[in-house]
Amino acid sequence: MAKAAKDTRPIADQATSEAACTYAALILYEDNQDIDATKLAKIVKAANLRVEPIWTKVFEKALKGKKVGDLLHGNSGNAGGAPAAQATATPAAAEAKKPEPVKEVKKAEEPEEDVDMGGLFD
């Protein structure tokens, strides 16, 4: 049995690793595939990058059970009900919810101190 060649590419820095895993997850999402660490690693390797294995596992865990499309569009799942509830609120209720104006707090001015500059401005 032949021995696998050791990967000699340098490991990508944190920002590059995060970006690579993000793009790999988007590729899997677009292809309607489950997002798992093995598939993420395979895509990252195909992009000629090398990332710490922890990154693919972090992304798998973070995206497991999530609808990536909702994440992309800013929907958290139950955000759809909030605008409808807001639209049906009575004007009196809307008036009651207005925040109070912030009062400006003025600091008492401290008197200036005379500092001896050693005759610099005499």
PDB file of N, CA and C in Angstrom:
ATOM      1  N   MET A   1       0.841  -1.164   0.000  1.00  0.00           N
ATOM      2  CA  MET A   1       0.000   0.000   0.000  1.00  0.00           C
ATOM      3  C   MET A   1       0.891   1.233   0.000  1.00  0.00           C
ATOM      4  N   ALA A   2       0.618   2.166  -0.892  1.00  0.00           N
ATOM      5  CA  ALA A   2       1.436   3.371  -1.033  1.00  0.00           C
ATOM      6  C   ALA A   2       1.134   4.348   0.088  1.00  0.00           C
ATOM      7  N   LYS A   3       2.182   5.004   0.523  1.00  0.00           N
ATOM      8  CA  LYS A   3       2.049   5.980   1.601  1.00  0.00           C
ATOM      9  C   LYS A   3       1.590   7.308   1.008  1.00  0.00           C
ATOM     10  N   ALA A   4       0.629   7.958   1.655  1.00  0.00           N
ATOM     11  CA  ALA A   4       0.110   9.245   1.166  1.00  0.00           C
ATOM     12  C   ALA A   4       1.179  10.311   1.323  1.00  0.00           C
ATOM     13  N   ALA A   5       1.292  11.157   0.324  1.00  0.00           N
ATOM     14  CA  ALA A   5       2.276  12.239   0.363  1.00  0.00           C
ATOM     15  C   ALA A   5       1.852  13.268   1.406  1.00  0.00           C
ATOM     16  N   LYS A   6       2.847  13.764   2.141  1.00  0.00           N
ATOM     17  CA  LYS A   6       2.566  14.754   3.181  1.00  0.00           C
ATOM     18  C   LYS A   6       2.263  16.099   2.529  1.00  0.00           C
ATOM     19  N   ASP A   7       1.254  16.755   3.045  1.00  0.00           N
ATOM     20  CA  ASP A   7       0.857  18.067   2.531  1.00  0.00           C
ATOM     21  C   ASP A   7       1.847  19.102   3.047  1.00  0.00           C
ATOM     22  N   THR A   8       2.581  19.725   2.155  1.00  0.00           N
ATOM     23  CA  THR A   8       3.619  20.676   2.562  1.00  0.00           C
ATOM     24  C   THR A   8       3.183  22.134   2.418  1.00  0.00           C
ATOM     25  N   ARG A   9       1.940  22.339   2.009  1.00  0.00           N
ATOM     26  CA  ARG A   9       1.469  23.718   1.893  1.00  0.00           C
ATOM     27  C   ARG A   9       1.384  24.346   3.273  1.00  0.00           C
ATOM     28  N   PRO A  10       1.679  25.658   3.374  1.00  0.00           N
ATOM     29  CA  PRO A  10       1.546  26.298   4.687  1.00  0.00           C
ATOM     30  C   PRO A  10       0.072  26.410   5.078  1.00  0.00           C
ATOM     31  N   ILE A  11      -0.159  26.366   6.384  1.00  0.00           N
ATOM     32  CA  ILE A  11      -1.526  26.493   6.880  1.00  0.00           C
ATOM     33  C   ILE A  11      -1.936  27.956   6.774  1.00  0.00           C
ATOM     34  N   ALA A  12      -3.127  28.191   6.279  1.00  0.00           N
ATOM     35  CA  ALA A  12      -3.629  29.559   6.086  1.00  0.00           C
ATOM     36  C   ALA A  12      -3.847  30.239   7.423  1.00  0.00           C
ATOM     37  N   ASP A  13      -3.749  31.567   7.409  1.00  0.00           N
ATOM     38  CA  ASP A  13      -4.000  32.331   8.634  1.00  0.00           C
ATOM     39  C   ASP A  13      -5.488  32.290   8.971  1.00  0.00           C
ATOM     40  N   GLN A  14      -5.847  32.873  10.111  1.00  0.00           N
ATOM     41  CA  GLN A  14      -7.222  32.790  10.599  1.00  0.00           C
ATOM     42  C   GLN A  14      -8.226  33.389   9.622  1.00  0.00           C
ATOM     43  N   ALA A  15      -7.951  34.577   9.116  1.00  0.00           N
ATOM     44  CA  ALA A  15      -8.899  35.240   8.216  1.00  0.00           C
ATOM     45  C   ALA A  15      -9.103  34.433   6.933  1.00  0.00           C
ATOM     46  N   THR A  16      -8.021  33.920   6.394  1.00  0.00           N
ATOM     47  CA  THR A  16      -8.109  33.124   5.163  1.00  0.00           C
ATOM     48  C   THR A  16      -8.853  31.818   5.427  1.00  0.00           C
ATOM     49  N   SER A  17      -8.593  31.209   6.576  1.00  0.00           N
ATOM     50  CA  SER A  17      -9.274  29.956   6.924  1.00  0.00           C
ATOM     51  C   SER A  17     -10.773  30.166   7.062  1.00  0.00           C
ATOM     52  N   GLU A  18     -11.156  31.242   7.736  1.00  0.00           N
ATOM     53  CA  GLU A  18     -12.583  31.549   7.893  1.00  0.00           C
ATOM     54  C   GLU A  18     -13.232  31.816   6.544  1.00  0.00           C
ATOM     55  N   ALA A  19     -12.558  32.582   5.712  1.00  0.00           N
ATOM     56  CA  ALA A  19     -13.110  32.893   4.388  1.00  0.00           C
ATOM     57  C   ALA A  19     -13.240  31.630   3.540  1.00  0.00           C
ATOM     58  N   ALA A  20     -12.230  30.777   3.582  1.00  0.00           N
ATOM     59  CA  ALA A  20     -12.257  29.548   2.788  1.00  0.00           C
ATOM     60  C   ALA A  20     -13.415  28.646   3.223  1.00  0.00           C
ATOM     61  N   CYS A  21     -13.608  28.513   4.530  1.00  0.00           N
ATOM     62  CA  CYS A  21     -14.704  27.673   5.031  1.00  0.00           C
ATOM     63  C   CYS A  21     -16.067  28.299   4.728  1.00  0.00           C
ATOM     64  N   THR A  22     -16.128  29.614   4.770  1.00  0.00           N
ATOM     65  CA  THR A  22     -17.383  30.297   4.438  1.00  0.00           C
ATOM     66  C   THR A  22     -17.759  30.050   2.985  1.00  0.00           C
ATOM     67  N   TYR A  23     -16.783  30.234   2.093  1.00  0.00           N
ATOM     68  CA  TYR A  23     -17.057  30.002   0.674  1.00  0.00           C
ATOM     69  C   TYR A  23     -17.383  28.539   0.401  1.00  0.00           C
ATOM     70  N   ALA A  24     -16.693  27.629   1.084  1.00  0.00           N
ATOM     71  CA  ALA A  24     -16.972  26.211   0.909  1.00  0.00           C
ATOM     72  C   ALA A  24     -18.402  25.891   1.365  1.00  0.00           C
ATOM     73  N   ALA A  25     -18.812  26.483   2.478  1.00  0.00           N
ATOM     74  CA  ALA A  25     -20.185  26.266   2.969  1.00  0.00           C
ATOM     75  C   ALA A  25     -21.203  26.814   1.976  1.00  0.00           C
ATOM     76  N   LEU A  26     -20.909  27.964   1.388  1.00  0.00           N
ATOM     77  CA  LEU A  26     -21.823  28.526   0.381  1.00  0.00           C
ATOM     78  C   LEU A  26     -21.918  27.642  -0.852  1.00  0.00           C
ATOM     79  N   ILE A  27     -20.794  27.058  -1.246  1.00  0.00           N
ATOM     80  CA  ILE A  27     -20.804  26.142  -2.395  1.00  0.00           C
ATOM     81  C   ILE A  27     -21.688  24.937  -2.094  1.00  0.00           C
ATOM     82  N   LEU A  28     -21.537  24.372  -0.906  1.00  0.00           N
ATOM     83  CA  LEU A  28     -22.371  23.221  -0.526  1.00  0.00           C
ATOM     84  C   LEU A  28     -23.841  23.615  -0.454  1.00  0.00           C
ATOM     85  N   TYR A  29     -24.120  24.802   0.080  1.00  0.00           N
ATOM     86  CA  TYR A  29     -25.503  25.278   0.158  1.00  0.00           C
ATOM     87  C   TYR A  29     -26.108  25.418  -1.234  1.00  0.00           C
ATOM     88  N   GLU A  30     -25.369  26.028  -2.131  1.00  0.00           N
ATOM     89  CA  GLU A  30     -25.865  26.226  -3.501  1.00  0.00           C
ATOM     90  C   GLU A  30     -26.096  24.894  -4.212  1.00  0.00           C
ATOM     91  N   ASP A  31     -25.329  23.877  -3.825  1.00  0.00           N
ATOM     92  CA  ASP A  31     -25.464  22.561  -4.442  1.00  0.00           C
ATOM     93  C   ASP A  31     -26.456  21.679  -3.677  1.00  0.00           C
ATOM     94  N   ASN A  32     -27.187  22.290  -2.707  1.00  0.00           N
ATOM     95  CA  ASN A  32     -28.190  21.576  -1.902  1.00  0.00           C
ATOM     96  C   ASN A  32     -27.627  20.342  -1.199  1.00  0.00           C
ATOM     97  N   GLN A  33     -26.409  20.460  -0.672  1.00  0.00           N
ATOM     98  CA  GLN A  33     -25.785  19.368   0.059  1.00  0.00           C
ATOM     99  C   GLN A  33     -25.697  19.729   1.536  1.00  0.00           C
ATOM    100  N   ASP A  34     -25.644  18.696   2.371  1.00  0.00           N
ATOM    101  CA  ASP A  34     -25.439  18.919   3.796  1.00  0.00           C
ATOM    102  C   ASP A  34     -24.039  19.488   4.005  1.00  0.00           C
ATOM    103  N   ILE A  35     -23.928  20.376   4.979  1.00  0.00           N
ATOM    104  CA  ILE A  35     -22.639  20.990   5.273  1.00  0.00           C
ATOM    105  C   ILE A  35     -21.996  20.202   6.410  1.00  0.00           C
ATOM    106  N   ASP A  36     -20.917  19.495   6.084  1.00  0.00           N
ATOM    107  CA  ASP A  36     -20.175  18.777   7.115  1.00  0.00           C
ATOM    108  C   ASP A  36     -18.679  19.027   6.943  1.00  0.00           C
ATOM    109  N   ALA A  37     -17.919  18.684   7.967  1.00  0.00           N
ATOM    110  CA  ALA A  37     -16.487  18.989   7.993  1.00  0.00           C
ATOM    111  C   ALA A  37     -15.730  18.318   6.853  1.00  0.00           C
ATOM    112  N   THR A  38     -16.101  17.097   6.511  1.00  0.00           N
ATOM    113  CA  THR A  38     -15.406  16.365   5.456  1.00  0.00           C
ATOM    114  C   THR A  38     -15.586  17.042   4.101  1.00  0.00           C
ATOM    115  N   LYS A  39     -16.811  17.429   3.803  1.00  0.00           N
ATOM    116  CA  LYS A  39     -17.077  18.104   2.521  1.00  0.00           C
ATOM    117  C   LYS A  39     -16.418  19.478   2.481  1.00  0.00           C
ATOM    118  N   LEU A  40     -16.445  20.184   3.595  1.00  0.00           N
ATOM    119  CA  LEU A  40     -15.798  21.499   3.649  1.00  0.00           C
ATOM    120  C   LEU A  40     -14.299  21.354   3.389  1.00  0.00           C
ATOM    121  N   ALA A  41     -13.676  20.381   4.047  1.00  0.00           N
ATOM    122  CA  ALA A  41     -12.237  20.158   3.879  1.00  0.00           C
ATOM    123  C   ALA A  41     -11.895  19.789   2.438  1.00  0.00           C
ATOM    124  N   LYS A  42     -12.751  19.007   1.811  1.00  0.00           N
ATOM    125  CA  LYS A  42     -12.516  18.587   0.425  1.00  0.00           C
ATOM    126  C   LYS A  42     -12.545  19.797  -0.522  1.00  0.00           C
ATOM    127  N   ILE A  43     -13.496  20.696  -0.315  1.00  0.00           N
ATOM    128  CA  ILE A  43     -13.586  21.894  -1.164  1.00  0.00           C
ATOM    129  C   ILE A  43     -12.406  22.826  -0.906  1.00  0.00           C
ATOM    130  N   VAL A  44     -12.036  22.988   0.358  1.00  0.00           N
ATOM    131  CA  VAL A  44     -10.892  23.843   0.691  1.00  0.00           C
ATOM    132  C   VAL A  44      -9.621  23.297   0.050  1.00  0.00           C
ATOM    133  N   LYS A  45      -9.438  21.990   0.109  1.00  0.00           N
ATOM    134  CA  LYS A  45      -8.262  21.363  -0.508  1.00  0.00           C
ATOM    135  C   LYS A  45      -8.281  21.541  -2.019  1.00  0.00           C
ATOM    136  N   ALA A  46      -9.457  21.437  -2.629  1.00  0.00           N
ATOM    137  CA  ALA A  46      -9.575  21.635  -4.074  1.00  0.00           C
ATOM    138  C   ALA A  46      -9.229  23.066  -4.469  1.00  0.00           C
ATOM    139  N   ALA A  47      -9.391  24.001  -3.530  1.00  0.00           N
ATOM    140  CA  ALA A  47      -9.046  25.398  -3.783  1.00  0.00           C
ATOM    141  C   ALA A  47      -7.561  25.650  -3.531  1.00  0.00           C
ATOM    142  N   ASN A  48      -6.804  24.571  -3.296  1.00  0.00           N
ATOM    143  CA  ASN A  48      -5.370  24.634  -3.059  1.00  0.00           C
ATOM    144  C   ASN A  48      -5.040  25.415  -1.785  1.00  0.00           C
ATOM    145  N   LEU A  49      -5.876  25.253  -0.774  1.00  0.00           N
ATOM    146  CA  LEU A  49      -5.636  25.874   0.528  1.00  0.00           C
ATOM    147  C   LEU A  49      -5.517  24.786   1.578  1.00  0.00           C
ATOM    148  N   ARG A  50      -4.877  25.132   2.671  1.00  0.00           N
ATOM    149  CA  ARG A  50      -4.756  24.209   3.800  1.00  0.00           C
ATOM    150  C   ARG A  50      -5.143  24.975   5.062  1.00  0.00           C
ATOM    151  N   VAL A  51      -6.171  24.480   5.735  1.00  0.00           N
ATOM    152  CA  VAL A  51      -6.635  25.127   6.965  1.00  0.00           C
ATOM    153  C   VAL A  51      -6.545  24.123   8.107  1.00  0.00           C
ATOM    154  N   GLU A  52      -6.491  24.648   9.318  1.00  0.00           N
ATOM    155  CA  GLU A  52      -6.519  23.782  10.497  1.00  0.00           C
ATOM    156  C   GLU A  52      -7.837  23.005  10.477  1.00  0.00           C
ATOM    157  N   PRO A  53      -7.818  21.731  10.813  1.00  0.00           N
ATOM    158  CA  PRO A  53      -9.054  20.935  10.805  1.00  0.00           C
ATOM    159  C   PRO A  53     -10.141  21.488  11.729  1.00  0.00           C
ATOM    160  N   ILE A  54      -9.755  22.236  12.735  1.00  0.00           N
ATOM    161  CA  ILE A  54     -10.752  22.787  13.660  1.00  0.00           C
ATOM    162  C   ILE A  54     -11.730  23.710  12.939  1.00  0.00           C
ATOM    163  N   TRP A  55     -11.259  24.409  11.896  1.00  0.00           N
ATOM    164  CA  TRP A  55     -12.132  25.362  11.193  1.00  0.00           C
ATOM    165  C   TRP A  55     -13.295  24.666  10.511  1.00  0.00           C
ATOM    166  N   THR A  56     -13.035  23.551   9.860  1.00  0.00           N
ATOM    167  CA  THR A  56     -14.126  22.845   9.183  1.00  0.00           C
ATOM    168  C   THR A  56     -15.112  22.282  10.209  1.00  0.00           C
ATOM    169  N   LYS A  57     -14.588  21.863  11.374  1.00  0.00           N
ATOM    170  CA  LYS A  57     -15.461  21.341  12.423  1.00  0.00           C
ATOM    171  C   LYS A  57     -16.300  22.453  13.046  1.00  0.00           C
ATOM    172  N   VAL A  58     -15.705  23.631  13.210  1.00  0.00           N
ATOM    173  CA  VAL A  58     -16.437  24.779  13.770  1.00  0.00           C
ATOM    174  C   VAL A  58     -17.584  25.170  12.845  1.00  0.00           C
ATOM    175  N   PHE A  59     -17.287  25.224  11.548  1.00  0.00           N
ATOM    176  CA  PHE A  59     -18.332  25.601  10.592  1.00  0.00           C
ATOM    177  C   PHE A  59     -19.420  24.534  10.514  1.00  0.00           C
ATOM    178  N   GLU A  60     -19.041  23.274  10.580  1.00  0.00           N
ATOM    179  CA  GLU A  60     -20.044  22.214  10.575  1.00  0.00           C
ATOM    180  C   GLU A  60     -20.976  22.358  11.781  1.00  0.00           C
ATOM    181  N   LYS A  61     -20.384  22.563  12.942  1.00  0.00           N
ATOM    182  CA  LYS A  61     -21.183  22.670  14.161  1.00  0.00           C
ATOM    183  C   LYS A  61     -22.057  23.926  14.143  1.00  0.00           C
ATOM    184  N   ALA A  62     -21.513  25.029  13.649  1.00  0.00           N
ATOM    185  CA  ALA A  62     -22.257  26.292  13.623  1.00  0.00           C
ATOM    186  C   ALA A  62     -23.435  26.246  12.655  1.00  0.00           C
ATOM    187  N   LEU A  63     -23.295  25.514  11.564  1.00  0.00           N
ATOM    188  CA  LEU A  63     -24.331  25.507  10.531  1.00  0.00           C
ATOM    189  C   LEU A  63     -25.236  24.273  10.589  1.00  0.00           C
ATOM    190  N   LYS A  64     -24.935  23.349  11.476  1.00  0.00           N
ATOM    191  CA  LYS A  64     -25.745  22.123  11.565  1.00  0.00           C
ATOM    192  C   LYS A  64     -27.167  22.479  11.998  1.00  0.00           C
ATOM    193  N   GLY A  65     -28.134  22.048  11.212  1.00  0.00           N
ATOM    194  CA  GLY A  65     -29.536  22.291  11.531  1.00  0.00           C
ATOM    195  C   GLY A  65     -30.025  23.693  11.184  1.00  0.00           C
ATOM    196  N   LYS A  66     -29.168  24.522  10.651  1.00  0.00           N
ATOM    197  CA  LYS A  66     -29.553  25.889  10.291  1.00  0.00           C
ATOM    198  C   LYS A  66     -29.927  25.944   8.810  1.00  0.00           C
ATOM    199  N   LYS A  67     -30.810  26.851   8.496  1.00  0.00           N
ATOM    200  CA  LYS A  67     -31.146  27.094   7.101  1.00  0.00           C
ATOM    201  C   LYS A  67     -30.229  28.209   6.616  1.00  0.00           C
ATOM    202  N   VAL A  68     -29.244  27.851   5.824  1.00  0.00           N
ATOM    203  CA  VAL A  68     -28.239  28.817   5.373  1.00  0.00           C
ATOM    204  C   VAL A  68     -28.892  29.943   4.581  1.00  0.00           C
ATOM    205  N   GLY A  69     -29.930  29.636   3.839  1.00  0.00           N
ATOM    206  CA  GLY A  69     -30.640  30.672   3.080  1.00  0.00           C
ATOM    207  C   GLY A  69     -31.220  31.735   3.991  1.00  0.00           C
ATOM    208  N   ASP A  70     -31.772  31.317   5.132  1.00  0.00           N
ATOM    209  CA  ASP A  70     -32.300  32.282   6.097  1.00  0.00           C
ATOM    210  C   ASP A  70     -31.189  33.143   6.677  1.00  0.00           C
ATOM    211  N   LEU A  71     -30.039  32.525   6.933  1.00  0.00           N
ATOM    212  CA  LEU A  71     -28.905  33.287   7.453  1.00  0.00           C
ATOM    213  C   LEU A  71     -28.427  34.325   6.435  1.00  0.00           C
ATOM    214  N   LEU A  72     -28.438  33.937   5.174  1.00  0.00           N
ATOM    215  CA  LEU A  72     -27.989  34.850   4.124  1.00  0.00           C
ATOM    216  C   LEU A  72     -28.924  36.037   3.940  1.00  0.00           C
ATOM    217  N   HIS A  73     -30.209  35.789   4.126  1.00  0.00           N
ATOM    218  CA  HIS A  73     -31.199  36.837   3.911  1.00  0.00           C
ATOM    219  C   HIS A  73     -31.555  37.586   5.180  1.00  0.00           C
ATOM    220  N   GLY A  74     -30.881  37.258   6.283  1.00  0.00           N
ATOM    221  CA  GLY A  74     -31.104  37.971   7.529  1.00  0.00           C
ATOM    222  C   GLY A  74     -32.341  37.538   8.292  1.00  0.00           C
ATOM    223  N   ASN A  75     -32.931  36.430   7.938  1.00  0.00           N
ATOM    224  CA  ASN A  75     -34.097  35.924   8.657  1.00  0.00           C
ATOM    225  C   ASN A  75     -33.622  35.009   9.766  1.00  0.00           C
ATOM    226  N   SER A  76     -34.129  35.210  10.956  1.00  0.00           N
ATOM    227  CA  SER A  76     -33.743  34.338  12.058  1.00  0.00           C
ATOM    228  C   SER A  76     -34.797  33.264  12.300  1.00  0.00           C
ATOM    229  N   GLY A  77     -35.794  33.202  11.472  1.00  0.00           N
ATOM    230  CA  GLY A  77     -36.813  32.173  11.601  1.00  0.00           C
ATOM    231  C   GLY A  77     -38.150  32.725  12.032  1.00  0.00           C
ATOM    232  N   ASN A  78     -38.191  33.575  13.062  1.00  0.00           N
ATOM    233  CA  ASN A  78     -39.460  34.110  13.526  1.00  0.00           C
ATOM    234  C   ASN A  78     -39.494  35.629  13.414  1.00  0.00           C
ATOM    235  N   ALA A  79     -38.689  36.182  12.530  1.00  0.00           N
ATOM    236  CA  ALA A  79     -38.698  37.633  12.335  1.00  0.00           C
ATOM    237  C   ALA A  79     -39.900  38.069  11.506  1.00  0.00           C
ATOM    238  N   GLY A  80     -40.552  37.141  10.817  1.00  0.00           N
ATOM    239  CA  GLY A  80     -41.682  37.481   9.964  1.00  0.00           C
ATOM    240  C   GLY A  80     -42.895  37.978  10.730  1.00  0.00           C
ATOM    241  N   GLY A  81     -43.066  37.576  11.968  1.00  0.00           N
ATOM    242  CA  GLY A  81     -44.230  37.973  12.743  1.00  0.00           C
ATOM    243  C   GLY A  81     -44.122  39.364  13.342  1.00  0.00           C
ATOM    244  N   ALA A  82     -42.944  39.896  13.482  1.00  0.00           N
ATOM    245  CA  ALA A  82     -42.765  41.190  14.144  1.00  0.00           C
ATOM    246  C   ALA A  82     -43.390  42.358  13.378  1.00  0.00           C
ATOM    247  N   PRO A  83     -43.196  42.489  12.065  1.00  0.00           N
ATOM    248  CA  PRO A  83     -43.806  43.622  11.380  1.00  0.00           C
ATOM    249  C   PRO A  83     -45.335  43.593  11.417  1.00  0.00           C
ATOM    250  N   ALA A  84     -45.937  42.419  11.355  1.00  0.00           N
ATOM    251  CA  ALA A  84     -47.391  42.328  11.382  1.00  0.00           C
ATOM    252  C   ALA A  84     -47.928  42.800  12.728  1.00  0.00           C
ATOM    253  N   ALA A  85     -47.259  42.425  13.788  1.00  0.00           N
ATOM    254  CA  ALA A  85     -47.696  42.854  15.118  1.00  0.00           C
ATOM    255  C   ALA A  85     -47.523  44.358  15.262  1.00  0.00           C
ATOM    256  N   GLN A  86     -46.505  44.878  14.668  1.00  0.00           N
ATOM    257  CA  GLN A  86     -46.261  46.311  14.753  1.00  0.00           C
ATOM    258  C   GLN A  86     -47.314  47.092  13.956  1.00  0.00           C
ATOM    259  N   ALA A  87     -47.733  46.558  12.844  1.00  0.00           N
ATOM    260  CA  ALA A  87     -48.699  47.248  12.004  1.00  0.00           C
ATOM    261  C   ALA A  87     -50.082  47.297  12.651  1.00  0.00           C
ATOM    262  N   THR A  88     -50.415  46.322  13.477  1.00  0.00           N
ATOM    263  CA  THR A  88     -51.738  46.280  14.083  1.00  0.00           C
ATOM    264  C   THR A  88     -51.809  47.018  15.411  1.00  0.00           C
ATOM    265  N   ALA A  89     -50.704  47.577  15.862  1.00  0.00           N
ATOM    266  CA  ALA A  89     -50.699  48.292  17.138  1.00  0.00           C
ATOM    267  C   ALA A  89     -51.509  49.576  17.015  1.00  0.00           C
ATOM    268  N   THR A  90     -52.219  49.931  18.075  1.00  0.00           N
ATOM    269  CA  THR A  90     -53.018  51.157  18.066  1.00  0.00           C
ATOM    270  C   THR A  90     -52.100  52.368  18.177  1.00  0.00           C
ATOM    271  N   PRO A  91     -52.562  53.538  17.706  1.00  0.00           N
ATOM    272  CA  PRO A  91     -51.735  54.733  17.816  1.00  0.00           C
ATOM    273  C   PRO A  91     -51.375  55.066  19.258  1.00  0.00           C
ATOM    274  N   ALA A  92     -52.291  54.793  20.192  1.00  0.00           N
ATOM    275  CA  ALA A  92     -51.992  55.071  21.599  1.00  0.00           C
ATOM    276  C   ALA A  92     -50.858  54.179  22.093  1.00  0.00           C
ATOM    277  N   ALA A  93     -50.859  52.921  21.675  1.00  0.00           N
ATOM    278  CA  ALA A  93     -49.792  52.006  22.069  1.00  0.00           C
ATOM    279  C   ALA A  93     -48.471  52.429  21.445  1.00  0.00           C
ATOM    280  N   ALA A  94     -48.528  52.879  20.197  1.00  0.00           N
ATOM    281  CA  ALA A  94     -47.313  53.336  19.529  1.00  0.00           C
ATOM    282  C   ALA A  94     -46.759  54.571  20.229  1.00  0.00           C
ATOM    283  N   GLU A  95     -47.651  55.454  20.669  1.00  0.00           N
ATOM    284  CA  GLU A  95     -47.233  56.666  21.375  1.00  0.00           C
ATOM    285  C   GLU A  95     -46.583  56.301  22.715  1.00  0.00           C
ATOM    286  N   ALA A  96     -47.125  55.297  23.375  1.00  0.00           N
ATOM    287  CA  ALA A  96     -46.594  54.895  24.670  1.00  0.00           C
ATOM    288  C   ALA A  96     -45.219  54.252  24.549  1.00  0.00           C
ATOM    289  N   LYS A  97     -44.911  53.667  23.396  1.00  0.00           N
ATOM    290  CA  LYS A  97     -43.640  52.990  23.206  1.00  0.00           C
ATOM    291  C   LYS A  97     -42.512  53.926  22.801  1.00  0.00           C
ATOM    292  N   LYS A  98     -42.801  55.190  22.526  1.00  0.00           N
ATOM    293  CA  LYS A  98     -41.756  56.112  22.098  1.00  0.00           C
ATOM    294  C   LYS A  98     -40.749  56.295  23.219  1.00  0.00           C
ATOM    295  N   PRO A  99     -39.470  56.263  22.886  1.00  0.00           N
ATOM    296  CA  PRO A  99     -38.468  56.451  23.927  1.00  0.00           C
ATOM    297  C   PRO A  99     -38.433  57.905  24.397  1.00  0.00           C
ATOM    298  N   GLU A 100     -38.085  58.068  25.653  1.00  0.00           N
ATOM    299  CA  GLU A 100     -37.986  59.417  26.193  1.00  0.00           C
ATOM    300  C   GLU A 100     -36.733  60.076  25.645  1.00  0.00           C
ATOM    301  N   PRO A 101     -36.812  61.398  25.409  1.00  0.00           N
ATOM    302  CA  PRO A 101     -35.613  62.069  24.916  1.00  0.00           C
ATOM    303  C   PRO A 101     -34.515  62.033  25.976  1.00  0.00           C
ATOM    304  N   VAL A 102     -33.310  61.903  25.503  1.00  0.00           N
ATOM    305  CA  VAL A 102     -32.175  61.833  26.409  1.00  0.00           C
ATOM    306  C   VAL A 102     -31.817  63.241  26.855  1.00  0.00           C
ATOM    307  N   LYS A 103     -31.712  63.422  28.159  1.00  0.00           N
ATOM    308  CA  LYS A 103     -31.357  64.728  28.696  1.00  0.00           C
ATOM    309  C   LYS A 103     -29.846  64.837  28.735  1.00  0.00           C
ATOM    310  N   GLU A 104     -29.359  65.988  28.309  1.00  0.00           N
ATOM    311  CA  GLU A 104     -27.926  66.214  28.289  1.00  0.00           C
ATOM    312  C   GLU A 104     -27.456  66.591  29.684  1.00  0.00           C
ATOM    313  N   VAL A 105     -26.441  65.944  30.125  1.00  0.00           N
ATOM    314  CA  VAL A 105     -25.882  66.246  31.431  1.00  0.00           C
ATOM    315  C   VAL A 105     -24.659  67.128  31.207  1.00  0.00           C
ATOM    316  N   LYS A 106     -24.686  68.307  31.807  1.00  0.00           N
ATOM    317  CA  LYS A 106     -23.572  69.229  31.638  1.00  0.00           C
ATOM    318  C   LYS A 106     -22.628  69.080  32.816  1.00  0.00           C
ATOM    319  N   LYS A 107     -21.362  69.015  32.498  1.00  0.00           N
ATOM    320  CA  LYS A 107     -20.360  68.940  33.542  1.00  0.00           C
ATOM    321  C   LYS A 107     -20.051  70.347  34.034  1.00  0.00           C
ATOM    322  N   ALA A 108     -19.789  70.434  35.296  1.00  0.00           N
ATOM    323  CA  ALA A 108     -19.392  71.726  35.851  1.00  0.00           C
ATOM    324  C   ALA A 108     -17.984  72.023  35.348  1.00  0.00           C
ATOM    325  N   GLU A 109     -17.814  73.222  34.838  1.00  0.00           N
ATOM    326  CA  GLU A 109     -16.506  73.588  34.302  1.00  0.00           C
ATOM    327  C   GLU A 109     -15.529  73.775  35.445  1.00  0.00           C
ATOM    328  N   GLU A 110     -14.374  73.177  35.258  1.00  0.00           N
ATOM    329  CA  GLU A 110     -13.329  73.315  36.265  1.00  0.00           C
ATOM    330  C   GLU A 110     -12.504  74.559  35.954  1.00  0.00           C
ATOM    331  N   PRO A 111     -12.138  75.313  36.970  1.00  0.00           N
ATOM    332  CA  PRO A 111     -11.323  76.500  36.712  1.00  0.00           C
ATOM    333  C   PRO A 111      -9.943  76.093  36.215  1.00  0.00           C
ATOM    334  N   GLU A 112      -9.411  76.903  35.311  1.00  0.00           N
ATOM    335  CA  GLU A 112      -8.090  76.609  34.776  1.00  0.00           C
ATOM    336  C   GLU A 112      -7.042  76.892  35.834  1.00  0.00           C
ATOM    337  N   GLU A 113      -6.030  76.070  35.827  1.00  0.00           N
ATOM    338  CA  GLU A 113      -4.956  76.259  36.780  1.00  0.00           C
ATOM    339  C   GLU A 113      -3.834  77.043  36.112  1.00  0.00           C
ATOM    340  N   ASP A 114      -3.190  77.876  36.885  1.00  0.00           N
ATOM    341  CA  ASP A 114      -2.005  78.564  36.389  1.00  0.00           C
ATOM    342  C   ASP A 114      -0.825  77.633  36.559  1.00  0.00           C
ATOM    343  N   VAL A 115      -0.183  77.348  35.448  1.00  0.00           N
ATOM    344  CA  VAL A 115       0.951  76.443  35.485  1.00  0.00           C
ATOM    345  C   VAL A 115       2.199  77.253  35.206  1.00  0.00           C
ATOM    346  N   ASP A 116       3.198  77.087  36.024  1.00  0.00           N
ATOM    347  CA  ASP A 116       4.458  77.821  35.842  1.00  0.00           C
ATOM    348  C   ASP A 116       5.211  77.205  34.684  1.00  0.00           C
ATOM    349  N   MET A 117       5.405  77.964  33.607  1.00  0.00           N
ATOM    350  CA  MET A 117       6.074  77.478  32.403  1.00  0.00           C
ATOM    351  C   MET A 117       7.556  77.865  32.425  1.00  0.00           C
ATOM    352  N   GLY A 118       8.047  78.312  33.557  1.00  0.00           N
ATOM    353  CA  GLY A 118       9.461  78.625  33.664  1.00  0.00           C
ATOM    354  C   GLY A 118       9.864  79.845  32.849  1.00  0.00           C
ATOM    355  N   GLY A 119       8.973  80.824  32.695  1.00  0.00           N
ATOM    356  CA  GLY A 119       9.307  82.044  31.968  1.00  0.00           C
ATOM    357  C   GLY A 119       9.267  81.892  30.463  1.00  0.00           C
ATOM    358  N   LEU A 120       8.675  80.830  29.970  1.00  0.00           N
ATOM    359  CA  LEU A 120       8.638  80.558  28.539  1.00  0.00           C
ATOM    360  C   LEU A 120       7.859  81.610  27.777  1.00  0.00           C
ATOM    361  N   PHE A 121       6.760  82.089  28.328  1.00  0.00           N
ATOM    362  CA  PHE A 121       5.948  83.068  27.620  1.00  0.00           C
ATOM    363  C   PHE A 121       5.984  84.433  28.273  1.00  0.00           C
ATOM    364  N   ASP A 122       7.049  84.797  28.983  1.00  0.00           N
ATOM    365  CA  ASP A 122       7.159  86.114  29.624  1.00  0.00           C
ATOM    366  C   ASP A 122       7.594  87.176  28.639  1.00  0.00           C
TER     367      ASP A 122
END
